[in-house]
N, C-alpha and C. Protein backbone atom coordinates (compact mmCIF):
# COMPACT_ATOMS: atom_id res chain seq x y z
N MET A 1 1.89 30.53 -5.86
CA MET A 1 1.23 29.78 -5.57
C MET A 1 2.98 28.96 -6.30
N ALA A 2 3.85 27.99 -5.59
CA ALA A 2 4.13 27.35 -6.31
C ALA A 2 3.59 26.29 -6.88
N ILE A 3 4.70 25.46 -8.21
CA ILE A 3 4.34 24.17 -8.99
C ILE A 3 4.68 23.51 -9.01
N LEU A 4 3.90 21.81 -8.50
CA LEU A 4 4.25 20.90 -8.94
C LEU A 4 3.84 19.34 -9.73
N THR A 5 4.70 18.94 -10.29
CA THR A 5 4.64 18.39 -11.70
C THR A 5 3.81 16.65 -10.88
N GLN A 6 2.84 15.84 -11.63
CA GLN A 6 2.15 14.84 -10.84
C GLN A 6 3.09 14.19 -10.30
N LEU A 7 4.07 13.32 -11.56
CA LEU A 7 4.97 12.44 -11.36
C LEU A 7 5.97 13.20 -10.53
N SER A 8 6.53 14.52 -9.99
CA SER A 8 7.40 14.31 -8.54
C SER A 8 6.66 14.38 -7.49
N LEU A 9 5.39 14.08 -7.28
CA LEU A 9 4.48 14.17 -5.92
C LEU A 9 4.62 13.24 -5.82
N ALA A 10 3.87 11.75 -6.87
CA ALA A 10 3.67 10.96 -7.07
C ALA A 10 5.33 9.90 -6.62
N GLU A 11 6.61 10.35 -7.08
CA GLU A 11 7.26 9.84 -6.35
C GLU A 11 7.79 9.96 -5.14
N GLU A 12 7.59 11.03 -5.11
CA GLU A 12 7.69 11.32 -3.29
C GLU A 12 6.49 10.44 -2.65
N PHE A 13 5.59 9.93 -3.12
CA PHE A 13 4.21 9.42 -2.25
C PHE A 13 5.31 8.25 -1.89
N ILE A 14 5.38 7.39 -2.95
CA ILE A 14 5.91 5.85 -3.06
C ILE A 14 6.42 5.90 -1.88
N ARG A 15 8.11 6.94 -2.25
CA ARG A 15 9.13 6.59 -1.09
C ARG A 15 8.79 7.15 0.11
N THR A 16 7.43 7.23 0.52
CA THR A 16 7.29 8.22 1.74
C THR A 16 6.55 6.58 2.03
N ILE A 17 5.86 5.79 1.77
CA ILE A 17 4.57 4.81 2.35
C ILE A 17 6.25 3.89 2.09
N LEU A 18 6.85 3.35 1.35
CA LEU A 18 7.75 1.90 0.42
C LEU A 18 9.42 2.66 0.81
N PRO A 19 9.84 2.83 1.83
CA PRO A 19 11.08 3.65 2.26
C PRO A 19 12.14 2.34 1.96
N GLY A 20 12.99 1.95 0.75
CA GLY A 20 14.35 1.57 0.66
C GLY A 20 13.62 0.03 0.21
N ASP A 21 13.84 -0.91 0.30
CA ASP A 21 13.18 -2.01 -0.37
C ASP A 21 11.68 -2.87 -0.02
N MET A 22 10.78 -1.82 0.65
CA MET A 22 9.99 -2.45 1.89
C MET A 22 8.94 -3.19 1.34
N ASP A 23 8.33 -2.30 -0.63
CA ASP A 23 7.44 -3.11 -1.41
C ASP A 23 8.16 -4.44 -1.56
N TYR A 24 9.15 -4.74 -1.78
CA TYR A 24 10.25 -6.30 -1.83
C TYR A 24 10.27 -6.95 -1.04
N LYS A 25 9.78 -6.34 0.67
CA LYS A 25 10.40 -7.26 1.41
C LYS A 25 8.38 -7.22 2.03
N LEU A 26 7.67 -6.72 1.95
CA LEU A 26 6.13 -6.63 2.18
C LEU A 26 5.26 -8.28 1.26
N PHE A 27 5.77 -7.82 0.13
CA PHE A 27 4.98 -8.08 -1.00
C PHE A 27 5.93 -10.30 -0.93
N LYS A 28 7.01 -9.86 -0.26
CA LYS A 28 7.46 -11.66 -0.34
C LYS A 28 7.22 -12.40 0.94
N SER A 29 7.05 -11.27 1.96
CA SER A 29 6.95 -11.64 3.04
C SER A 29 5.42 -12.33 3.11
N ASP A 30 4.50 -11.67 1.94
CA ASP A 30 2.98 -12.27 2.13
C ASP A 30 3.07 -13.56 2.17
N ALA A 31 3.11 -13.11 -0.11
CA ALA A 31 3.52 -13.98 -0.66
C ALA A 31 3.69 -16.36 0.15
N ASP A 32 4.92 -15.80 0.84
CA ASP A 32 5.59 -16.87 1.46
C ASP A 32 4.04 -17.29 2.62
N GLN A 33 3.57 -16.62 3.46
CA GLN A 33 2.61 -17.24 4.66
C GLN A 33 1.47 -17.20 3.94
N ASN A 34 0.79 -17.21 2.87
CA ASN A 34 -0.13 -17.09 2.29
C ASN A 34 0.07 -19.31 1.86
N ILE A 35 1.61 -19.15 0.85
CA ILE A 35 1.83 -20.35 0.17
C ILE A 35 2.23 -21.65 2.13
N ILE A 36 2.34 -21.11 2.70
CA ILE A 36 2.78 -21.93 3.79
C ILE A 36 1.06 -21.56 4.27
N LYS A 37 0.26 -20.96 4.73
CA LYS A 37 -1.02 -21.10 5.41
C LYS A 37 -1.85 -22.36 4.93
N VAL A 38 -2.23 -21.82 3.94
CA VAL A 38 -2.11 -22.42 3.09
C VAL A 38 -2.41 -24.51 2.13
N TRP A 39 -1.42 -24.50 2.05
CA TRP A 39 0.10 -25.49 2.08
C TRP A 39 -1.11 -26.98 3.12
N GLU A 40 -0.29 -26.07 4.32
CA GLU A 40 -0.67 -26.68 5.60
C GLU A 40 -1.88 -26.72 6.17
N GLY A 41 -2.70 -25.70 6.32
CA GLY A 41 -4.73 -26.14 5.69
C GLY A 41 -4.79 -27.30 4.77
N PHE A 42 -3.98 -27.18 3.17
CA PHE A 42 -4.71 -28.45 2.42
C PHE A 42 -4.88 -29.72 3.46
N GLY A 43 -3.18 -29.88 4.24
CA GLY A 43 -2.47 -31.17 4.59
C GLY A 43 -3.80 -31.59 5.91
N LYS A 44 -3.93 -30.35 6.42
CA LYS A 44 -4.47 -30.35 7.71
C LYS A 44 -6.29 -31.02 7.39
N ALA A 45 -6.88 -30.52 5.78
CA ALA A 45 -8.24 -30.62 5.59
C ALA A 45 -8.07 -31.87 5.23
N LEU A 46 -7.16 -32.61 4.50
CA LEU A 46 -6.87 -33.75 3.82
C LEU A 46 -7.61 -35.24 5.12
N LYS A 47 -5.95 -35.14 5.72
CA LYS A 47 -5.81 -35.40 7.07
C LYS A 47 -7.69 -35.73 8.14
N LYS A 48 -7.94 -34.25 8.07
CA LYS A 48 -9.77 -35.00 8.55
C LYS A 48 -10.93 -35.16 7.25
N ASN A 49 -10.39 -35.19 6.45
CA ASN A 49 -11.29 -35.14 4.69
C ASN A 49 -12.82 -34.02 5.06
N ARG A 50 -12.14 -32.95 5.38
CA ARG A 50 -12.65 -31.49 5.69
C ARG A 50 -12.24 -30.62 4.38
N PRO A 51 -13.69 -29.80 4.41
CA PRO A 51 -12.52 -28.76 3.40
C PRO A 51 -12.21 -27.65 3.57
N LEU A 52 -10.65 -27.01 3.03
CA LEU A 52 -10.11 -26.17 3.03
C LEU A 52 -10.61 -25.03 3.45
N LYS A 53 -10.06 -23.98 4.64
CA LYS A 53 -10.76 -23.17 5.55
C LYS A 53 -8.88 -22.42 5.29
N TYR A 54 -9.56 -21.37 5.47
CA TYR A 54 -8.25 -19.95 4.73
C TYR A 54 -8.47 -18.99 5.78
N ASN A 55 -7.77 -18.98 7.23
CA ASN A 55 -7.96 -17.24 7.62
C ASN A 55 -7.05 -16.66 7.27
N PRO A 56 -7.10 -15.64 6.98
CA PRO A 56 -5.85 -14.54 6.42
C PRO A 56 -5.66 -13.74 7.40
N SER A 57 -4.19 -13.12 7.63
CA SER A 57 -3.78 -12.22 8.66
C SER A 57 -2.72 -12.03 8.69
N LEU A 58 -2.39 -10.43 9.06
CA LEU A 58 -1.37 -10.04 8.65
C LEU A 58 0.67 -10.91 8.14
N SER A 59 1.08 -10.88 7.66
CA SER A 59 2.25 -11.40 7.47
C SER A 59 3.32 -10.63 8.80
N PRO A 60 4.43 -11.26 8.85
CA PRO A 60 5.23 -10.18 9.91
C PRO A 60 6.07 -9.44 9.53
N GLU A 61 5.96 -9.17 8.29
CA GLU A 61 6.75 -8.33 7.82
C GLU A 61 6.00 -7.13 7.93
N ALA A 62 4.57 -7.50 6.99
CA ALA A 62 3.63 -5.92 8.14
C ALA A 62 3.14 -5.10 8.73
N LYS A 63 3.42 -6.98 10.07
CA LYS A 63 3.31 -5.90 11.27
C LYS A 63 4.59 -5.95 11.99
N ARG A 64 5.30 -5.98 11.39
CA ARG A 64 7.45 -4.72 11.46
C ARG A 64 7.04 -3.96 10.65
N TYR A 65 6.22 -3.60 10.10
CA TYR A 65 5.84 -2.16 8.94
C TYR A 65 5.49 -1.33 9.69
N LEU A 66 4.88 -2.13 10.44
CA LEU A 66 3.20 -1.24 11.38
C LEU A 66 3.86 -0.88 12.59
N LYS A 67 4.93 -1.60 13.81
CA LYS A 67 5.04 -0.63 14.18
C LYS A 67 6.31 0.08 14.40
N ARG A 68 7.38 -0.43 12.73
CA ARG A 68 8.28 0.95 12.54
C ARG A 68 8.30 1.77 12.25
N TYR A 69 7.37 2.45 11.28
CA TYR A 69 6.70 3.10 9.80
C TYR A 69 5.66 3.87 10.41
N SER A 70 4.49 2.84 10.41
CA SER A 70 3.13 3.81 10.36
C SER A 70 3.15 4.88 11.20
N LYS A 71 4.15 5.33 12.28
CA LYS A 71 3.72 6.75 13.24
C LYS A 71 3.90 8.06 12.47
N SER A 72 5.63 7.82 11.90
CA SER A 72 5.83 8.61 11.01
C SER A 72 5.91 8.42 9.11
N VAL A 73 5.17 7.49 8.83
CA VAL A 73 5.25 7.84 7.85
C VAL A 73 3.32 8.32 7.73
N ALA A 74 2.72 8.15 8.50
CA ALA A 74 1.33 8.93 8.56
C ALA A 74 1.72 10.51 8.95
N PHE A 75 2.77 10.98 9.40
CA PHE A 75 3.27 12.74 9.60
C PHE A 75 3.68 13.08 7.49
N SER A 76 4.77 11.96 8.42
CA SER A 76 4.88 12.40 6.80
C SER A 76 3.94 12.84 4.93
N LEU A 77 2.88 12.11 6.11
CA LEU A 77 2.14 11.72 3.85
C LEU A 77 0.68 12.93 4.69
N MET A 78 0.76 13.41 5.88
CA MET A 78 -0.04 14.61 6.35
C MET A 78 0.95 16.33 5.62
N ASP A 79 1.84 15.58 5.31
CA ASP A 79 2.87 16.90 5.55
C ASP A 79 2.58 16.90 3.96
N LEU A 80 2.32 16.07 3.01
CA LEU A 80 3.07 15.50 1.70
C LEU A 80 1.18 16.03 1.20
N ARG A 81 0.20 16.31 1.20
CA ARG A 81 -0.99 15.97 1.71
C ARG A 81 -1.29 17.65 1.37
N LYS A 82 -0.69 18.45 2.72
CA LYS A 82 -0.69 19.48 3.00
C LYS A 82 -0.01 20.32 1.58
N LYS A 83 1.04 19.94 1.13
CA LYS A 83 2.29 20.20 0.25
C LYS A 83 1.10 20.37 -1.42
N ALA A 84 0.34 19.33 -1.23
CA ALA A 84 -0.34 19.03 -2.53
C ALA A 84 -1.71 19.82 -2.76
N GLN A 85 -2.04 20.38 -1.87
CA GLN A 85 -3.10 21.12 -1.90
C GLN A 85 -3.03 22.50 -1.36
N THR A 86 -1.66 22.71 -1.43
CA THR A 86 -1.06 24.24 -1.36
C THR A 86 -0.26 24.80 -2.30
N HIS A 87 -0.06 23.86 -3.12
CA HIS A 87 0.71 23.91 -4.63
C HIS A 87 -0.11 23.92 -5.63
N THR A 88 0.63 24.08 -6.66
CA THR A 88 -0.44 24.32 -7.92
C THR A 88 0.36 22.38 -8.54
N ILE A 89 -0.87 21.57 -9.14
CA ILE A 89 0.34 20.28 -9.54
C ILE A 89 -0.75 20.29 -11.48
N LEU A 90 0.41 20.18 -11.62
CA LEU A 90 0.44 19.80 -13.07
C LEU A 90 -0.03 18.13 -13.85
N PRO A 91 -0.61 17.87 -14.01
CA PRO A 91 -1.01 16.09 -14.22
C PRO A 91 0.00 16.52 -15.43
N VAL A 92 0.48 14.85 -15.54
CA VAL A 92 0.72 13.68 -16.07
C VAL A 92 0.97 14.08 -17.53
N LYS A 93 1.93 14.27 -19.53
CA LYS A 93 1.10 14.71 -19.72
C LYS A 93 1.75 13.25 -20.87
N THR A 94 2.41 13.45 -20.94
CA THR A 94 3.43 12.25 -22.03
C THR A 94 3.30 10.88 -21.12
N GLU A 95 3.33 9.75 -22.05
CA GLU A 95 2.92 8.54 -22.13
C GLU A 95 3.93 7.50 -21.06
N PHE A 96 4.82 8.59 -20.73
CA PHE A 96 5.99 7.99 -19.97
C PHE A 96 6.05 7.88 -18.39
N GLU A 97 5.35 9.74 -18.94
CA GLU A 97 4.65 9.60 -17.56
C GLU A 97 3.36 9.30 -17.09
N LYS A 98 2.30 8.55 -17.86
CA LYS A 98 0.92 8.12 -18.05
C LYS A 98 1.76 6.76 -17.44
N THR A 99 2.67 5.91 -18.14
CA THR A 99 2.38 4.80 -17.17
C THR A 99 3.59 4.69 -16.44
N GLU A 100 4.63 5.91 -15.60
CA GLU A 100 4.60 5.31 -14.45
C GLU A 100 4.41 6.20 -13.19
N LEU A 101 3.06 6.85 -13.89
CA LEU A 101 1.99 7.10 -12.19
C LEU A 101 1.32 5.81 -12.43
N GLU A 102 1.52 4.98 -13.21
CA GLU A 102 0.23 3.26 -13.07
C GLU A 102 1.37 2.60 -12.51
N ARG A 103 2.15 2.51 -12.70
CA ARG A 103 3.36 1.97 -11.68
C ARG A 103 2.89 2.46 -10.44
N TYR A 104 2.43 3.54 -9.94
CA TYR A 104 3.13 3.61 -8.62
C TYR A 104 1.77 3.30 -8.07
N LYS A 105 0.38 3.51 -9.15
CA LYS A 105 -0.99 3.05 -8.79
C LYS A 105 -1.04 1.58 -8.85
N LEU A 106 -0.57 0.97 -9.28
CA LEU A 106 -0.29 -0.45 -8.78
C LEU A 106 0.49 -0.80 -7.68
N ARG A 107 1.99 -0.71 -7.50
CA ARG A 107 2.17 -0.75 -6.19
C ARG A 107 2.10 -0.52 -5.00
N THR A 108 1.20 0.74 -4.58
CA THR A 108 0.08 1.45 -3.93
C THR A 108 -0.81 0.33 -3.45
N GLU A 109 -1.68 -0.10 -4.26
CA GLU A 109 -2.04 -1.58 -4.30
C GLU A 109 -1.65 -1.68 -3.74
N GLY A 110 -0.72 -2.53 -3.97
CA GLY A 110 0.37 -3.55 -3.87
C GLY A 110 0.06 -2.89 -2.09
N PHE A 111 0.48 -1.92 -1.43
CA PHE A 111 0.41 -1.95 -0.32
C PHE A 111 -0.43 -1.87 0.77
N VAL A 112 -1.35 -1.26 -0.23
CA VAL A 112 -3.42 -1.21 0.86
C VAL A 112 -3.12 -2.73 0.78
N LEU A 113 -3.85 -3.79 -0.11
CA LEU A 113 -3.57 -5.34 0.05
C LEU A 113 -2.41 -5.83 1.55
N SER A 114 -1.01 -5.33 1.26
CA SER A 114 -0.87 -6.29 2.34
C SER A 114 -1.77 -5.81 3.52
N PHE A 115 -2.12 -4.86 4.25
CA PHE A 115 -3.05 -4.80 5.56
C PHE A 115 -4.65 -5.04 4.90
N GLU A 116 -5.17 -5.05 4.25
CA GLU A 116 -6.33 -6.00 3.92
C GLU A 116 -7.16 -6.72 4.92
N HIS A 117 -6.05 -7.51 5.59
CA HIS A 117 -7.26 -8.67 6.66
C HIS A 117 -6.51 -7.93 7.87
N THR A 118 -6.53 -7.10 8.67
CA THR A 118 -6.57 -5.96 9.67
C THR A 118 -7.75 -6.22 9.76
N GLU A 119 -7.63 -6.41 11.47
CA GLU A 119 -8.59 -6.45 12.59
C GLU A 119 -8.53 -4.92 13.12
N ASP A 120 -7.80 -4.51 13.03
CA ASP A 120 -7.05 -3.49 13.98
C ASP A 120 -7.99 -1.85 13.83
N GLU A 121 -8.09 -1.48 14.14
CA GLU A 121 -9.31 0.42 13.89
C GLU A 121 -7.64 1.16 13.44
N GLN A 122 -6.24 1.12 13.96
CA GLN A 122 -5.10 2.10 13.56
C GLN A 122 -4.21 1.73 12.24
N THR A 123 -5.60 0.75 12.65
CA THR A 123 -4.05 0.58 10.72
C THR A 123 -4.93 0.69 10.25
N LYS A 124 -6.35 0.22 10.24
CA LYS A 124 -7.62 0.31 8.96
C LYS A 124 -7.27 1.77 8.84
N ALA A 125 -7.61 2.90 9.76
CA ALA A 125 -7.54 4.46 9.50
C ALA A 125 -5.76 4.44 8.91
N PHE A 126 -4.94 4.42 8.94
CA PHE A 126 -3.88 4.27 8.34
C PHE A 126 -3.98 4.05 6.77
N VAL A 127 -4.33 2.96 6.74
CA VAL A 127 -4.10 2.99 5.14
C VAL A 127 -5.07 2.98 4.58
N LYS A 128 -6.13 3.73 5.56
CA LYS A 128 -7.57 4.54 4.32
C LYS A 128 -6.50 5.84 4.70
N LEU A 129 -5.57 6.10 5.24
CA LEU A 129 -4.60 7.07 5.44
C LEU A 129 -4.13 7.41 3.67
N VAL A 130 -3.61 6.77 3.89
CA VAL A 130 -2.81 5.85 2.77
C VAL A 130 -3.74 6.36 0.91
N GLU A 131 -4.67 5.14 1.54
CA GLU A 131 -5.99 5.09 -0.15
C GLU A 131 -5.50 6.41 -0.12
N ASP A 132 -6.23 8.03 0.99
CA ASP A 132 -6.89 8.91 0.73
C ASP A 132 -6.04 10.10 -0.34
N THR A 133 -5.06 9.73 0.34
CA THR A 133 -3.44 10.55 -0.68
C THR A 133 -3.18 10.65 -1.36
N LYS A 134 -3.29 8.57 -1.96
CA LYS A 134 -2.72 8.18 -3.36
C LYS A 134 -4.25 9.05 -4.01
N ASN A 135 -5.66 9.30 -3.32
CA ASN A 135 -6.44 9.15 -4.92
C ASN A 135 -6.52 10.86 -4.58
N MET A 136 -5.83 11.59 -3.52
CA MET A 136 -5.54 12.91 -4.16
C MET A 136 -4.57 12.63 -5.10
N ILE A 137 -2.96 12.51 -4.62
CA ILE A 137 -1.99 12.70 -6.11
C ILE A 137 -1.91 11.92 -6.85
N LEU A 138 -2.42 10.88 -7.09
CA LEU A 138 -1.95 10.36 -8.13
C LEU A 138 -3.62 10.09 -9.25
N GLY A 139 -4.89 10.45 -8.36
CA GLY A 139 -5.70 10.48 -9.02
C GLY A 139 -7.13 9.74 -8.44
N GLU A 140 -8.12 10.03 -8.35
CA GLU A 140 -9.47 8.84 -8.26
C GLU A 140 -9.29 7.89 -9.04
N LYS A 141 -9.91 7.03 -7.96
CA LYS A 141 -10.04 4.87 -8.11
C LYS A 141 -11.31 5.59 -9.66
N GLU A 142 -11.38 4.83 -10.41
CA GLU A 142 -12.34 4.90 -11.58
C GLU A 142 -13.80 4.75 -11.27
N ASN A 143 -13.45 2.99 -10.14
CA ASN A 143 -14.26 2.45 -10.00
C ASN A 143 -15.56 3.57 -8.81
N SER A 144 -14.73 4.30 -8.20
CA SER A 144 -15.51 4.96 -6.80
C SER A 144 -16.48 5.86 -6.81
């Protein structure tokens, strides 16, 4: 059985779910959309003298991501899970490695938050696969 380091597996995981500059694109699109929606809703509420309402939805970039990448990412995640299950994984040891691993966890949480407002069952299943793979590779959540 081959030996893999947890950090190398985590790097492969992040590159799989966030190809290229996808992390930045998802964050920027979501932030832009939220700012616009909140201000538009605030303006309408003021004009009508009503309380502010906010109905979040997927950002345009998140929708593009799902359309372009989700199927190939899901297949790649299944391969990565198989790799993690069939190899011995050496956990991180140094402070640098622990910091890098924590950074990967945070980036994954940001990714999951990009899709938290979906009602689509297929997208929910995709996000669940990402979270389960994250827990398998990066470690279980402390609150679970």
